[in-house]
Amino acid sequence: EDFNSIVDFLDENNFIGGLKSRALSIASDLLQGDWVQGMADKQIVAASQLCPHDSAFGSLISDQTYPTFKGTRDLVDGIMYTGFPLVQVIAIVMAQKHSNLEIASPVDIELDVPDGAKLIDLTDLSSIAGWADMALEEVRNYLGGTTESNDLGITSMLQSLFLDDDGLLTIPIEDQGFDAGGVKLSLFDVTMVGLDSFTMFDVLKASSQNRFSNSVKLQ
C-alpha cells in the first residue's frame, strides 16, 4: 500500500480524528494550566523591572519560584496513542523505500481561486501588515543567529525556558502507572537530550511565493 492508502486507513479507523481531538484537549489543558500562567507572570515581572515608567523599575529580581511543566495522564496517553501508529507507518514506508515496488508519483492538487482573490505572497508579507516581513526576519535572525555565548538563538531560548543546567528537558509525570497481566510499569518522568546542540536553525525561509523551507541540524 502507498502512503495515501495508509492515511486513508488511519482516517477510516478514526485515528486522525482522535488525534486532533486529543491534541486540542492537551493544548487547552496546557494553556489553562499553572505552567503557562507562571511563564506569563515571570515575563510580566521582568518587563516591569525594565520599564522606567513602572514602580518596579530597577528593583532586584525576586526569588519567586514558578510552576514547572508537568506531564498529565492525557499528555502521556496522547504521546503513546500517536507514537505507536507512527512507528508502524514509518516502518511500512521504509520497507517500501527499500523494495522494488514502484511508488506512485505525488498527486497534483489544483485549487479554484475566486476571481479577484488576493493570495498571500510569502516573499512579501506586507500584504498582511507593513511590519510582517521585518518581524519574521527578526525572528529568523534571532533563532538562527549566534548569541554572545556563541550558541544559536534557539538554543539560548530553550535553555532559558525549558532546559536544565545539563541541557536536559525533563518532563515529570504525575500519577502514571500501567498494569497488565500482573506486570506493572511505572513512569515517573521523561527526559529529552540534545536540544542544546543545534548547529543550524534556518526556518520559515520563503523559497517561493507559496512555500517555506526549513533547515535544522543538531550534533
C-alpha atoms as a PDB file:
ATOM      1  CA  GLU A   1       0.000   0.000   0.000  1.00  0.00           C
ATOM      2  CA  ASP A   2       1.206   3.502  -0.687  1.00  0.00           C
ATOM      3  CA  PHE A   3       1.289   6.325   1.803  1.00  0.00           C
ATOM      4  CA  ASN A   4      -2.074   7.704   0.706  1.00  0.00           C
ATOM      5  CA  SER A   5      -3.800   4.404   1.367  1.00  0.00           C
ATOM      6  CA  ILE A   6      -2.197   4.264   4.834  1.00  0.00           C
ATOM      7  CA  VAL A   7      -3.522   7.724   5.633  1.00  0.00           C
ATOM      8  CA  ASP A   8      -6.956   6.730   4.338  1.00  0.00           C
ATOM      9  CA  PHE A   9      -6.877   3.601   6.506  1.00  0.00           C
ATOM     10  CA  LEU A  10      -5.980   5.627   9.599  1.00  0.00           C
ATOM     11  CA  ASP A  11      -8.713   8.134   8.801  1.00  0.00           C
ATOM     12  CA  GLU A  12     -11.330   5.414   8.287  1.00  0.00           C
ATOM     13  CA  ASN A  13     -10.460   3.997  11.703  1.00  0.00           C
ATOM     14  CA  ASN A  14     -10.873   7.412  13.346  1.00  0.00           C
ATOM     15  CA  PHE A  15      -7.176   7.718  14.214  1.00  0.00           C
ATOM     16  CA  ILE A  16      -6.738  11.159  12.658  1.00  0.00           C
ATOM     17  CA  GLY A  17      -9.959  12.466  14.175  1.00  0.00           C
ATOM     18  CA  GLY A  18      -8.967  11.091  17.569  1.00  0.00           C
ATOM     19  CA  LEU A  19      -5.512  12.624  17.231  1.00  0.00           C
ATOM     20  CA  LYS A  20      -6.999  16.062  16.524  1.00  0.00           C
ATOM     21  CA  SER A  21      -9.344  15.767  19.495  1.00  0.00           C
ATOM     22  CA  ARG A  22      -6.538  14.724  21.845  1.00  0.00           C
ATOM     23  CA  ALA A  23      -4.225  17.485  20.552  1.00  0.00           C
ATOM     24  CA  LEU A  24      -6.872  20.154  21.124  1.00  0.00           C
ATOM     25  CA  SER A  25      -7.614  18.810  24.602  1.00  0.00           C
ATOM     26  CA  ILE A  26      -3.919  18.744  25.566  1.00  0.00           C
ATOM     27  CA  ALA A  27      -3.354  22.247  24.142  1.00  0.00           C
ATOM     28  CA  SER A  28      -6.351  23.557  26.085  1.00  0.00           C
ATOM     29  CA  ASP A  29      -5.082  21.999  29.323  1.00  0.00           C
ATOM     30  CA  LEU A  30      -1.606  23.492  28.800  1.00  0.00           C
ATOM     31  CA  LEU A  31      -2.896  26.988  28.033  1.00  0.00           C
ATOM     32  CA  GLN A  32      -5.159  26.952  31.089  1.00  0.00           C
ATOM     33  CA  GLY A  33      -2.568  25.352  33.362  1.00  0.00           C
ATOM     34  CA  ASP A  34      -0.291  26.850  36.006  1.00  0.00           C
ATOM     35  CA  TRP A  35       2.844  26.417  33.869  1.00  0.00           C
ATOM     36  CA  VAL A  36       1.772  28.812  31.093  1.00  0.00           C
ATOM     37  CA  GLN A  37       0.381  31.259  33.656  1.00  0.00           C
ATOM     38  CA  GLY A  38       3.663  31.095  35.546  1.00  0.00           C
ATOM     39  CA  MET A  39       5.674  31.877  32.392  1.00  0.00           C
ATOM     40  CA  ALA A  40       3.392  34.838  31.669  1.00  0.00           C
ATOM     41  CA  ASP A  41       3.728  36.130  35.232  1.00  0.00           C
ATOM     42  CA  LYS A  42       7.509  35.793  35.050  1.00  0.00           C
ATOM     43  CA  GLN A  43       7.691  37.807  31.826  1.00  0.00           C
ATOM     44  CA  ILE A  44       5.386  40.491  33.256  1.00  0.00           C
ATOM     45  CA  VAL A  45       7.561  40.869  36.359  1.00  0.00           C
ATOM     46  CA  ALA A  46      10.734  41.035  34.234  1.00  0.00           C
ATOM     47  CA  ALA A  47       9.167  43.626  31.918  1.00  0.00           C
ATOM     48  CA  SER A  48       8.088  45.767  34.892  1.00  0.00           C
ATOM     49  CA  GLN A  49      11.654  45.855  36.203  1.00  0.00           C
ATOM     50  CA  LEU A  50      12.916  47.074  32.827  1.00  0.00           C
ATOM     51  CA  CYS A  51      10.237  49.724  32.238  1.00  0.00           C
ATOM     52  CA  PRO A  52      11.222  53.195  33.591  1.00  0.00           C
ATOM     53  CA  HIS A  53       7.521  54.111  33.916  1.00  0.00           C
ATOM     54  CA  ASP A  54       6.777  51.197  36.246  1.00  0.00           C
ATOM     55  CA  SER A  55       7.094  51.416  40.028  1.00  0.00           C
ATOM     56  CA  ALA A  56       9.133  48.197  39.989  1.00  0.00           C
ATOM     57  CA  PHE A  57      11.775  49.679  37.623  1.00  0.00           C
ATOM     58  CA  GLY A  58      15.315  48.828  38.710  1.00  0.00           C
ATOM     59  CA  SER A  59      14.241  46.552  41.543  1.00  0.00           C
ATOM     60  CA  LEU A  60      16.087  43.321  42.202  1.00  0.00           C
ATOM     61  CA  ILE A  61      14.879  40.117  40.615  1.00  0.00           C
ATOM     62  CA  SER A  62      12.814  38.240  43.175  1.00  0.00           C
ATOM     63  CA  ASP A  63      13.479  34.655  44.186  1.00  0.00           C
ATOM     64  CA  GLN A  64       9.879  33.708  43.484  1.00  0.00           C
ATOM     65  CA  THR A  65       9.522  30.223  42.071  1.00  0.00           C
ATOM     66  CA  TYR A  66       7.087  29.489  39.284  1.00  0.00           C
ATOM     67  CA  PRO A  67       5.268  26.248  38.464  1.00  0.00           C
ATOM     68  CA  THR A  68       7.282  23.793  36.383  1.00  0.00           C
ATOM     69  CA  PHE A  69       5.948  21.823  33.476  1.00  0.00           C
ATOM     70  CA  LYS A  70       4.383  18.514  34.481  1.00  0.00           C
ATOM     71  CA  GLY A  71       3.046  15.915  32.131  1.00  0.00           C
ATOM     72  CA  THR A  72      -0.524  14.784  32.674  1.00  0.00           C
ATOM     73  CA  ARG A  73      -2.092  11.396  32.039  1.00  0.00           C
ATOM     74  CA  ASP A  74      -3.788  12.808  28.934  1.00  0.00           C
ATOM     75  CA  LEU A  75      -0.423  14.004  27.602  1.00  0.00           C
ATOM     76  CA  VAL A  76       1.216  10.612  28.101  1.00  0.00           C
ATOM     77  CA  ASP A  77      -1.780   8.820  26.602  1.00  0.00           C
ATOM     78  CA  GLY A  78      -1.692  11.199  23.627  1.00  0.00           C
ATOM     79  CA  ILE A  79       2.016  10.572  23.033  1.00  0.00           C
ATOM     80  CA  MET A  80       1.558   6.814  23.175  1.00  0.00           C
ATOM     81  CA  TYR A  81      -1.622   6.998  21.083  1.00  0.00           C
ATOM     82  CA  THR A  82       0.311   8.881  18.394  1.00  0.00           C
ATOM     83  CA  GLY A  83       3.676   7.195  18.729  1.00  0.00           C
ATOM     84  CA  PHE A  84       2.805   3.538  18.183  1.00  0.00           C
ATOM     85  CA  PRO A  85       0.888   4.020  14.890  1.00  0.00           C
ATOM     86  CA  LEU A  86       3.514   6.454  13.586  1.00  0.00           C
ATOM     87  CA  VAL A  87       6.318   3.984  14.268  1.00  0.00           C
ATOM     88  CA  GLN A  88       4.418   1.358  12.290  1.00  0.00           C
ATOM     89  CA  VAL A  89       3.734   3.809   9.438  1.00  0.00           C
ATOM     90  CA  ILE A  90       7.426   4.739   9.293  1.00  0.00           C
ATOM     91  CA  ALA A  91       8.371   1.058   9.230  1.00  0.00           C
ATOM     92  CA  ILE A  92       5.983   0.444   6.309  1.00  0.00           C
ATOM     93  CA  VAL A  93       7.250   3.464   4.384  1.00  0.00           C
ATOM     94  CA  MET A  94      10.888   2.447   4.916  1.00  0.00           C
ATOM     95  CA  ALA A  95      10.101  -1.085   3.799  1.00  0.00           C
ATOM     96  CA  GLN A  96       8.532   0.278   0.616  1.00  0.00           C
ATOM     97  CA  LYS A  97      11.500   2.558   0.032  1.00  0.00           C
ATOM     98  CA  HIS A  98      13.926  -0.353   0.093  1.00  0.00           C
ATOM     99  CA  SER A  99      11.779  -2.654  -2.010  1.00  0.00           C
ATOM    100  CA  ASN A 100      11.416  -2.901  -5.755  1.00  0.00           C
ATOM    101  CA  LEU A 101       7.884  -1.583  -5.678  1.00  0.00           C
ATOM    102  CA  GLU A 102       7.173   1.482  -7.738  1.00  0.00           C
ATOM    103  CA  ILE A 103       5.845   4.294  -5.612  1.00  0.00           C
ATOM    104  CA  ALA A 104       3.139   6.350  -7.270  1.00  0.00           C
ATOM    105  CA  SER A 105       4.115   9.919  -8.055  1.00  0.00           C
ATOM    106  CA  PRO A 106       2.715  12.673  -5.810  1.00  0.00           C
ATOM    107  CA  VAL A 107      -0.780  13.845  -6.566  1.00  0.00           C
ATOM    108  CA  ASP A 108      -1.087  17.334  -8.014  1.00  0.00           C
ATOM    109  CA  ILE A 109      -3.849  19.318  -6.364  1.00  0.00           C
ATOM    110  CA  GLU A 110      -5.361  22.297  -8.114  1.00  0.00           C
ATOM    111  CA  LEU A 111      -7.492  24.813  -6.284  1.00  0.00           C
ATOM    112  CA  ASP A 112     -10.051  27.054  -7.906  1.00  0.00           C
ATOM    113  CA  VAL A 113      -9.262  30.572  -6.757  1.00  0.00           C
ATOM    114  CA  PRO A 114     -12.158  33.034  -7.000  1.00  0.00           C
ATOM    115  CA  ASP A 115     -11.673  35.944  -9.350  1.00  0.00           C
ATOM    116  CA  GLY A 116     -10.262  38.938  -7.548  1.00  0.00           C
ATOM    117  CA  ALA A 117      -8.979  36.891  -4.601  1.00  0.00           C
ATOM    118  CA  LYS A 118      -5.747  38.251  -3.122  1.00  0.00           C
ATOM    119  CA  LEU A 119      -3.345  35.454  -2.228  1.00  0.00           C
ATOM    120  CA  ILE A 120      -0.581  35.849   0.325  1.00  0.00           C
ATOM    121  CA  ASP A 121       2.866  36.185  -1.247  1.00  0.00           C
ATOM    122  CA  LEU A 122       5.279  34.569   1.227  1.00  0.00           C
ATOM    123  CA  THR A 123       8.160  36.554  -0.278  1.00  0.00           C
ATOM    124  CA  ASP A 124       6.323  39.809   0.510  1.00  0.00           C
ATOM    125  CA  LEU A 125       4.216  39.700   3.661  1.00  0.00           C
ATOM    126  CA  SER A 126       3.477  43.414   3.556  1.00  0.00           C
ATOM    127  CA  SER A 127       0.047  42.466   2.203  1.00  0.00           C
ATOM    128  CA  ILE A 128      -0.746  41.227   5.728  1.00  0.00           C
ATOM    129  CA  ALA A 129       0.911  44.026   7.671  1.00  0.00           C
ATOM    130  CA  GLY A 130       3.613  46.525   6.833  1.00  0.00           C
ATOM    131  CA  TRP A 131       5.886  45.202   9.576  1.00  0.00           C
ATOM    132  CA  ALA A 132       5.317  41.472   8.922  1.00  0.00           C
ATOM    133  CA  ASP A 133       8.425  40.937   6.760  1.00  0.00           C
ATOM    134  CA  MET A 134      10.654  42.722   9.260  1.00  0.00           C
ATOM    135  CA  ALA A 135       9.170  40.846  12.221  1.00  0.00           C
ATOM    136  CA  LEU A 136       9.630  37.463  10.535  1.00  0.00           C
ATOM    137  CA  GLU A 137      13.203  38.318   9.579  1.00  0.00           C
ATOM    138  CA  GLU A 138      13.989  39.418  13.150  1.00  0.00           C
ATOM    139  CA  VAL A 139      12.628  36.127  14.499  1.00  0.00           C
ATOM    140  CA  ARG A 140      14.629  34.124  11.950  1.00  0.00           C
ATOM    141  CA  ASN A 141      17.806  36.093  12.676  1.00  0.00           C
ATOM    142  CA  TYR A 142      17.421  35.616  16.411  1.00  0.00           C
ATOM    143  CA  LEU A 143      16.627  31.899  16.346  1.00  0.00           C
ATOM    144  CA  GLY A 144      19.281  31.079  13.749  1.00  0.00           C
ATOM    145  CA  GLY A 145      21.865  33.677  14.745  1.00  0.00           C
ATOM    146  CA  THR A 146      24.701  33.422  17.257  1.00  0.00           C
ATOM    147  CA  THR A 147      24.381  34.925  20.731  1.00  0.00           C
ATOM    148  CA  GLU A 148      27.133  36.324  22.966  1.00  0.00           C
ATOM    149  CA  SER A 149      27.675  32.834  24.358  1.00  0.00           C
ATOM    150  CA  ASN A 150      28.291  31.513  20.804  1.00  0.00           C
ATOM    151  CA  ASP A 151      25.088  29.456  20.967  1.00  0.00           C
ATOM    152  CA  LEU A 152      22.294  29.735  18.449  1.00  0.00           C
ATOM    153  CA  GLY A 153      19.311  31.814  19.499  1.00  0.00           C
ATOM    154  CA  ILE A 154      17.041  28.771  19.514  1.00  0.00           C
ATOM    155  CA  THR A 155      19.430  27.047  21.940  1.00  0.00           C
ATOM    156  CA  SER A 156      19.582  30.109  24.176  1.00  0.00           C
ATOM    157  CA  MET A 157      15.779  30.345  24.240  1.00  0.00           C
ATOM    158  CA  LEU A 158      15.343  26.642  25.058  1.00  0.00           C
ATOM    159  CA  GLN A 159      17.965  26.877  27.810  1.00  0.00           C
ATOM    160  CA  SER A 160      16.231  29.838  29.432  1.00  0.00           C
ATOM    161  CA  LEU A 161      12.731  28.362  29.233  1.00  0.00           C
ATOM    162  CA  PHE A 162      12.911  24.577  29.333  1.00  0.00           C
ATOM    163  CA  LEU A 163      16.381  23.019  29.768  1.00  0.00           C
ATOM    164  CA  ASP A 164      18.259  22.419  32.999  1.00  0.00           C
ATOM    165  CA  ASP A 165      21.949  23.131  33.631  1.00  0.00           C
ATOM    166  CA  ASP A 166      22.894  19.877  31.877  1.00  0.00           C
ATOM    167  CA  GLY A 167      20.896  20.748  28.749  1.00  0.00           C
ATOM    168  CA  LEU A 168      18.180  18.195  29.518  1.00  0.00           C
ATOM    169  CA  LEU A 169      14.443  18.618  29.194  1.00  0.00           C
ATOM    170  CA  THR A 170      12.816  16.580  31.948  1.00  0.00           C
ATOM    171  CA  ILE A 171       9.046  16.244  31.996  1.00  0.00           C
ATOM    172  CA  PRO A 172       7.725  14.954  35.339  1.00  0.00           C
ATOM    173  CA  ILE A 173       4.781  12.599  35.028  1.00  0.00           C
ATOM    174  CA  GLU A 174       2.018  12.632  37.609  1.00  0.00           C
ATOM    175  CA  ASP A 175       0.161   9.518  38.767  1.00  0.00           C
ATOM    176  CA  GLN A 176       1.277   7.304  35.933  1.00  0.00           C
ATOM    177  CA  GLY A 177       1.099   3.533  36.134  1.00  0.00           C
ATOM    178  CA  PHE A 178       0.141   0.809  33.709  1.00  0.00           C
ATOM    179  CA  ASP A 179      -0.846  -2.620  34.960  1.00  0.00           C
ATOM    180  CA  ALA A 180      -1.434  -5.513  32.569  1.00  0.00           C
ATOM    181  CA  GLY A 181      -1.198  -9.247  33.047  1.00  0.00           C
ATOM    182  CA  GLY A 182       0.282  -8.904  36.512  1.00  0.00           C
ATOM    183  CA  VAL A 183       3.101  -6.657  35.258  1.00  0.00           C
ATOM    184  CA  LYS A 184       3.097  -3.041  36.420  1.00  0.00           C
ATOM    185  CA  LEU A 185       5.021  -0.362  34.553  1.00  0.00           C
ATOM    186  CA  SER A 186       5.567   2.916  36.391  1.00  0.00           C
ATOM    187  CA  LEU A 187       6.558   6.084  34.567  1.00  0.00           C
ATOM    188  CA  PHE A 188       7.884   8.965  36.670  1.00  0.00           C
ATOM    189  CA  ASP A 189       9.432  11.306  34.122  1.00  0.00           C
ATOM    190  CA  VAL A 190      10.572  11.617  30.515  1.00  0.00           C
ATOM    191  CA  THR A 191      13.940  13.175  29.659  1.00  0.00           C
ATOM    192  CA  MET A 192      14.938  14.513  26.251  1.00  0.00           C
ATOM    193  CA  VAL A 193      18.602  15.113  25.356  1.00  0.00           C
ATOM    194  CA  GLY A 194      20.273  17.003  22.535  1.00  0.00           C
ATOM    195  CA  LEU A 195      18.040  20.079  22.474  1.00  0.00           C
ATOM    196  CA  ASP A 196      21.086  22.235  23.310  1.00  0.00           C
ATOM    197  CA  SER A 197      23.122  21.007  20.329  1.00  0.00           C
ATOM    198  CA  PHE A 198      21.623  22.915  17.390  1.00  0.00           C
ATOM    199  CA  THR A 199      24.238  23.796  14.762  1.00  0.00           C
ATOM    200  CA  MET A 200      21.730  25.187  12.240  1.00  0.00           C
ATOM    201  CA  PHE A 201      18.233  26.555  12.649  1.00  0.00           C
ATOM    202  CA  ASP A 202      17.094  28.185   9.418  1.00  0.00           C
ATOM    203  CA  VAL A 203      13.300  28.072   9.375  1.00  0.00           C
ATOM    204  CA  LEU A 204      10.425  29.868   7.652  1.00  0.00           C
ATOM    205  CA  LYS A 205      12.620  30.873   4.727  1.00  0.00           C
ATOM    206  CA  ALA A 206      10.447  31.805   1.754  1.00  0.00           C
ATOM    207  CA  SER A 207      11.724  29.757  -1.167  1.00  0.00           C
ATOM    208  CA  SER A 208       8.879  30.849  -3.439  1.00  0.00           C
ATOM    209  CA  GLN A 209       5.651  32.805  -3.304  1.00  0.00           C
ATOM    210  CA  ASN A 210       3.797  29.864  -1.738  1.00  0.00           C
ATOM    211  CA  ARG A 211       6.455  27.776   0.007  1.00  0.00           C
ATOM    212  CA  PHE A 212       8.553  27.962   3.176  1.00  0.00           C
ATOM    213  CA  SER A 213      11.740  25.913   3.551  1.00  0.00           C
ATOM    214  CA  ASN A 214      13.236  24.775   6.845  1.00  0.00           C
ATOM    215  CA  SER A 215      16.741  23.513   7.623  1.00  0.00           C
ATOM    216  CA  VAL A 216      17.630  22.216  11.083  1.00  0.00           C
ATOM    217  CA  LYS A 217      20.776  20.397  12.220  1.00  0.00           C
ATOM    218  CA  LEU A 218      21.811  19.005  15.603  1.00  0.00           C
ATOM    219  CA  GLN A 219      25.080  17.464  16.672  1.00  0.00           C
END
